[in-house]
N, C-alpha and C. Protein backbone atom coordinates (compact mmCIF):
# COMPACT_ATOMS: atom_id res chain seq x y z
N MET A 1 38.86 -1.29 15.33
CA MET A 1 37.98 -2.14 14.54
C MET A 1 37.24 -3.12 15.45
N LYS A 2 37.94 -3.67 16.46
CA LYS A 2 37.31 -4.63 17.36
C LYS A 2 36.20 -3.97 18.17
N THR A 3 36.32 -2.68 18.45
CA THR A 3 35.29 -1.96 19.21
C THR A 3 34.07 -1.67 18.35
N ILE A 4 34.26 -1.42 17.07
CA ILE A 4 33.17 -1.06 16.17
C ILE A 4 32.26 -2.25 15.86
N LEU A 5 32.83 -3.42 15.64
CA LEU A 5 32.03 -4.58 15.25
C LEU A 5 30.95 -4.95 16.27
N PRO A 6 31.26 -5.04 17.57
CA PRO A 6 30.17 -5.35 18.52
C PRO A 6 29.08 -4.29 18.53
N LYS A 7 29.47 -3.02 18.41
CA LYS A 7 28.47 -1.94 18.39
C LYS A 7 27.60 -2.02 17.13
N LEU A 8 28.24 -2.33 16.00
CA LEU A 8 27.51 -2.48 14.75
C LEU A 8 26.53 -3.66 14.83
N GLY A 9 26.97 -4.76 15.42
CA GLY A 9 26.10 -5.92 15.59
C GLY A 9 24.92 -5.61 16.50
N LEU A 10 25.17 -4.89 17.59
CA LEU A 10 24.09 -4.50 18.50
C LEU A 10 23.10 -3.59 17.80
N PHE A 11 23.60 -2.64 17.01
CA PHE A 11 22.74 -1.74 16.25
C PHE A 11 21.87 -2.52 15.27
N ALA A 12 22.47 -3.44 14.52
CA ALA A 12 21.72 -4.24 13.54
C ALA A 12 20.65 -5.08 14.23
N ALA A 13 20.98 -5.67 15.36
CA ALA A 13 20.01 -6.49 16.09
C ALA A 13 18.86 -5.62 16.59
N THR A 14 19.16 -4.42 17.08
CA THR A 14 18.12 -3.52 17.58
C THR A 14 17.18 -3.10 16.45
N VAL A 15 17.74 -2.71 15.32
CA VAL A 15 16.93 -2.32 14.17
C VAL A 15 16.07 -3.49 13.72
N GLY A 16 16.63 -4.69 13.69
CA GLY A 16 15.87 -5.87 13.29
C GLY A 16 14.69 -6.12 14.21
N LEU A 17 14.89 -5.99 15.51
CA LEU A 17 13.80 -6.21 16.46
C LEU A 17 12.72 -5.13 16.34
N LEU A 18 13.15 -3.89 16.14
CA LEU A 18 12.18 -2.80 16.06
C LEU A 18 11.35 -2.84 14.78
N THR A 19 11.92 -3.36 13.71
CA THR A 19 11.20 -3.36 12.44
C THR A 19 10.55 -4.70 12.11
N ALA A 20 10.73 -5.71 12.92
CA ALA A 20 10.15 -7.02 12.64
C ALA A 20 8.64 -6.90 12.57
N GLY A 21 8.05 -7.39 11.50
CA GLY A 21 6.60 -7.37 11.35
C GLY A 21 6.04 -6.05 10.84
N CYS A 22 6.88 -5.06 10.61
CA CYS A 22 6.40 -3.78 10.11
C CYS A 22 6.27 -3.83 8.60
N VAL A 23 5.25 -3.18 8.11
CA VAL A 23 5.07 -3.03 6.67
C VAL A 23 5.05 -1.55 6.38
N VAL A 24 5.88 -1.10 5.48
CA VAL A 24 5.95 0.31 5.14
C VAL A 24 5.25 0.53 3.80
N TYR A 25 4.34 1.50 3.78
CA TYR A 25 3.62 1.84 2.57
C TYR A 25 4.05 3.22 2.11
N PRO A 26 4.33 3.38 0.85
CA PRO A 26 4.68 4.72 0.38
C PRO A 26 3.45 5.61 0.40
N ASP A 27 3.59 6.79 0.97
CA ASP A 27 2.47 7.73 1.03
C ASP A 27 2.55 8.78 -0.06
N ASP A 28 3.62 8.75 -0.85
CA ASP A 28 3.81 9.77 -1.87
C ASP A 28 2.79 9.66 -2.99
N GLY A 29 2.40 8.45 -3.34
CA GLY A 29 1.46 8.26 -4.43
C GLY A 29 2.14 8.32 -5.78
N VAL A 30 1.33 8.21 -6.81
CA VAL A 30 1.80 8.20 -8.19
C VAL A 30 0.98 9.22 -8.96
N ASP A 31 1.66 10.05 -9.75
CA ASP A 31 0.92 11.00 -10.59
C ASP A 31 0.22 10.24 -11.70
N VAL A 32 -1.05 10.57 -11.91
CA VAL A 32 -1.84 9.93 -12.96
C VAL A 32 -2.35 11.01 -13.90
N TYR A 33 -2.84 10.60 -15.07
CA TYR A 33 -3.20 11.55 -16.11
C TYR A 33 -4.69 11.75 -16.27
N SER A 34 -5.48 10.98 -15.53
CA SER A 34 -6.93 11.12 -15.63
C SER A 34 -7.57 10.68 -14.32
N ASP A 35 -8.80 11.13 -14.11
CA ASP A 35 -9.55 10.67 -12.95
C ASP A 35 -9.96 9.23 -13.17
N PRO A 36 -10.21 8.47 -12.09
CA PRO A 36 -10.67 7.09 -12.28
C PRO A 36 -12.08 7.07 -12.85
N PRO A 37 -12.43 5.98 -13.53
CA PRO A 37 -13.82 5.83 -14.02
C PRO A 37 -14.79 5.77 -12.84
N PRO A 38 -16.09 5.84 -13.12
CA PRO A 38 -17.08 5.73 -12.04
C PRO A 38 -16.95 4.38 -11.32
N LEU A 39 -17.26 4.40 -10.04
CA LEU A 39 -17.22 3.15 -9.26
C LEU A 39 -18.17 2.12 -9.83
N ILE A 40 -17.82 0.87 -9.67
CA ILE A 40 -18.67 -0.25 -10.07
C ILE A 40 -19.37 -0.75 -8.81
N VAL A 41 -20.68 -0.86 -8.87
CA VAL A 41 -21.43 -1.34 -7.71
C VAL A 41 -21.26 -2.85 -7.60
N GLU A 42 -20.84 -3.28 -6.43
CA GLU A 42 -20.62 -4.71 -6.19
C GLU A 42 -21.61 -5.23 -5.16
N THR A 43 -21.98 -6.48 -5.29
CA THR A 43 -22.78 -7.14 -4.28
C THR A 43 -21.83 -7.80 -3.30
N ILE A 44 -21.98 -7.45 -2.02
CA ILE A 44 -21.09 -8.01 -1.00
C ILE A 44 -21.57 -9.41 -0.64
N PRO A 45 -20.71 -10.41 -0.82
CA PRO A 45 -21.11 -11.78 -0.47
C PRO A 45 -21.20 -11.94 1.05
N PRO A 46 -21.87 -13.00 1.50
CA PRO A 46 -21.99 -13.22 2.94
C PRO A 46 -20.61 -13.29 3.60
N ASP A 47 -20.53 -12.77 4.82
CA ASP A 47 -19.30 -12.76 5.60
C ASP A 47 -18.90 -14.20 5.91
N PRO A 48 -17.68 -14.61 5.52
CA PRO A 48 -17.27 -15.99 5.80
C PRO A 48 -16.88 -16.21 7.26
N GLY A 49 -16.81 -15.12 8.05
CA GLY A 49 -16.43 -15.25 9.45
C GLY A 49 -14.91 -15.34 9.61
N GLY A 50 -14.50 -15.58 10.82
CA GLY A 50 -13.07 -15.74 11.08
C GLY A 50 -12.30 -14.44 11.21
N GLY A 51 -13.00 -13.33 11.51
CA GLY A 51 -12.31 -12.08 11.75
C GLY A 51 -11.91 -11.30 10.51
N VAL A 52 -12.50 -11.63 9.37
CA VAL A 52 -12.18 -10.90 8.15
C VAL A 52 -13.11 -9.70 8.00
N VAL A 53 -12.68 -8.73 7.21
CA VAL A 53 -13.50 -7.56 6.93
C VAL A 53 -13.60 -7.37 5.42
N TRP A 54 -14.68 -6.72 4.99
CA TRP A 54 -14.88 -6.46 3.57
C TRP A 54 -14.07 -5.24 3.16
N VAL A 55 -13.28 -5.38 2.11
CA VAL A 55 -12.54 -4.29 1.50
C VAL A 55 -13.20 -4.08 0.14
N GLY A 56 -13.90 -2.97 -0.01
CA GLY A 56 -14.66 -2.73 -1.23
C GLY A 56 -13.79 -2.57 -2.47
N GLY A 57 -14.36 -2.88 -3.62
CA GLY A 57 -13.66 -2.74 -4.88
C GLY A 57 -13.37 -1.28 -5.19
N GLU A 58 -12.27 -1.05 -5.87
CA GLU A 58 -11.85 0.31 -6.20
C GLU A 58 -11.03 0.31 -7.48
N TRP A 59 -10.99 1.45 -8.13
CA TRP A 59 -10.11 1.62 -9.27
C TRP A 59 -8.70 1.85 -8.76
N ALA A 60 -7.75 1.12 -9.29
CA ALA A 60 -6.34 1.24 -8.91
C ALA A 60 -5.52 1.60 -10.15
N TRP A 61 -4.44 2.31 -9.93
CA TRP A 61 -3.59 2.73 -11.04
C TRP A 61 -2.45 1.73 -11.22
N HIS A 62 -2.39 1.11 -12.40
CA HIS A 62 -1.31 0.19 -12.79
C HIS A 62 -0.90 0.57 -14.20
N ASP A 63 -0.39 1.77 -14.37
CA ASP A 63 -0.08 2.38 -15.67
C ASP A 63 -1.35 2.68 -16.47
N HIS A 64 -2.48 2.30 -15.97
CA HIS A 64 -3.81 2.65 -16.46
C HIS A 64 -4.78 2.22 -15.35
N TRP A 65 -6.03 2.65 -15.43
CA TRP A 65 -7.00 2.31 -14.39
C TRP A 65 -7.44 0.86 -14.53
N VAL A 66 -7.38 0.12 -13.42
CA VAL A 66 -7.78 -1.29 -13.36
C VAL A 66 -8.72 -1.46 -12.17
N TRP A 67 -9.85 -2.13 -12.40
CA TRP A 67 -10.78 -2.37 -11.30
C TRP A 67 -10.26 -3.51 -10.43
N GLU A 68 -10.09 -3.24 -9.15
CA GLU A 68 -9.72 -4.29 -8.18
C GLU A 68 -11.00 -4.65 -7.43
N LYS A 69 -11.45 -5.88 -7.66
CA LYS A 69 -12.70 -6.33 -7.07
C LYS A 69 -12.63 -6.33 -5.55
N GLY A 70 -13.78 -6.09 -4.93
CA GLY A 70 -13.85 -6.16 -3.48
C GLY A 70 -13.58 -7.58 -3.00
N HIS A 71 -13.13 -7.69 -1.77
CA HIS A 71 -12.79 -9.00 -1.22
C HIS A 71 -12.76 -8.93 0.31
N TYR A 72 -12.85 -10.08 0.92
CA TYR A 72 -12.66 -10.15 2.37
C TYR A 72 -11.18 -10.30 2.65
N ASP A 73 -10.71 -9.61 3.69
CA ASP A 73 -9.29 -9.65 4.03
C ASP A 73 -9.17 -9.66 5.56
N ARG A 74 -8.10 -10.24 6.02
CA ARG A 74 -7.84 -10.30 7.46
C ARG A 74 -6.95 -9.13 7.85
N PRO A 75 -7.37 -8.28 8.79
CA PRO A 75 -6.51 -7.18 9.23
C PRO A 75 -5.17 -7.71 9.76
N PRO A 76 -4.09 -6.96 9.53
CA PRO A 76 -2.77 -7.44 9.94
C PRO A 76 -2.55 -7.46 11.45
N HIS A 77 -3.36 -6.70 12.19
CA HIS A 77 -3.26 -6.68 13.66
C HIS A 77 -4.57 -6.18 14.24
N PRO A 78 -4.86 -6.50 15.49
CA PRO A 78 -6.11 -6.03 16.11
C PRO A 78 -6.21 -4.50 16.05
N GLY A 79 -7.38 -4.02 15.72
CA GLY A 79 -7.62 -2.59 15.66
C GLY A 79 -7.25 -1.94 14.33
N ALA A 80 -6.67 -2.72 13.41
CA ALA A 80 -6.29 -2.15 12.10
C ALA A 80 -7.55 -1.81 11.33
N ARG A 81 -7.45 -0.75 10.53
CA ARG A 81 -8.58 -0.39 9.66
C ARG A 81 -8.05 -0.16 8.26
N TRP A 82 -8.91 -0.43 7.27
CA TRP A 82 -8.54 -0.26 5.87
C TRP A 82 -8.73 1.19 5.48
N VAL A 83 -7.71 1.80 4.90
CA VAL A 83 -7.80 3.15 4.36
C VAL A 83 -7.89 2.99 2.84
N PRO A 84 -9.02 3.36 2.24
CA PRO A 84 -9.20 3.16 0.80
C PRO A 84 -8.20 3.95 -0.04
N HIS A 85 -8.11 3.57 -1.32
CA HIS A 85 -7.30 4.32 -2.27
C HIS A 85 -7.75 5.78 -2.22
N GLN A 86 -6.84 6.67 -2.53
CA GLN A 86 -7.18 8.09 -2.57
C GLN A 86 -6.76 8.66 -3.92
N TYR A 87 -7.54 9.61 -4.39
CA TYR A 87 -7.25 10.32 -5.62
C TYR A 87 -7.21 11.80 -5.24
N VAL A 88 -6.05 12.39 -5.26
CA VAL A 88 -5.87 13.74 -4.74
C VAL A 88 -5.51 14.68 -5.88
N HIS A 89 -6.17 15.83 -5.92
CA HIS A 89 -5.85 16.89 -6.89
C HIS A 89 -5.11 17.98 -6.13
N HIS A 90 -3.90 18.31 -6.57
CA HIS A 90 -3.18 19.42 -5.95
C HIS A 90 -2.16 19.98 -6.93
N GLY A 91 -2.09 21.29 -6.98
CA GLY A 91 -1.13 21.94 -7.86
C GLY A 91 -1.26 21.57 -9.31
N GLY A 92 -2.49 21.31 -9.77
CA GLY A 92 -2.70 20.93 -11.16
C GLY A 92 -2.33 19.48 -11.46
N ARG A 93 -1.98 18.73 -10.44
CA ARG A 93 -1.62 17.32 -10.61
C ARG A 93 -2.68 16.44 -10.00
N ARG A 94 -2.81 15.23 -10.54
CA ARG A 94 -3.68 14.20 -9.97
C ARG A 94 -2.76 13.13 -9.41
N THR A 95 -2.96 12.76 -8.16
CA THR A 95 -2.12 11.77 -7.52
C THR A 95 -2.97 10.62 -7.01
N TYR A 96 -2.54 9.41 -7.28
CA TYR A 96 -3.20 8.20 -6.79
C TYR A 96 -2.37 7.65 -5.64
N ILE A 97 -3.02 7.37 -4.51
CA ILE A 97 -2.37 6.77 -3.35
C ILE A 97 -3.07 5.45 -3.08
N HIS A 98 -2.31 4.37 -3.12
CA HIS A 98 -2.87 3.01 -2.97
C HIS A 98 -3.43 2.83 -1.56
N GLY A 99 -4.56 2.09 -1.45
CA GLY A 99 -5.15 1.80 -0.16
C GLY A 99 -4.20 0.96 0.70
N ARG A 100 -4.42 0.99 2.01
CA ARG A 100 -3.51 0.27 2.91
C ARG A 100 -4.17 0.05 4.26
N TRP A 101 -3.63 -0.87 5.00
CA TRP A 101 -4.06 -1.09 6.38
C TRP A 101 -3.34 -0.09 7.27
N GLN A 102 -4.07 0.44 8.24
CA GLN A 102 -3.47 1.35 9.20
C GLN A 102 -3.80 0.92 10.59
């Protein structure tokens, strides 16, 4: 038992260091029952500066389609890019995958 505890502590510390600051996004998506409505055209406001980027508005699935307005957002790390929501048709199913930073 005395030999296992130090190894377990070292393992936990290593996992903690490796995962610190990581955000995990599910890539599986959610099955939906209809295609999203047509996109809504938005006017992009002036860039406020400070390293933010415009993330365009999109239809998101929250047990029904909800319009998420476009907004400026700060990337989580240098070189990150926004991957928009996806609506995938496969095997007779419609799947919604939420947008995320990559």
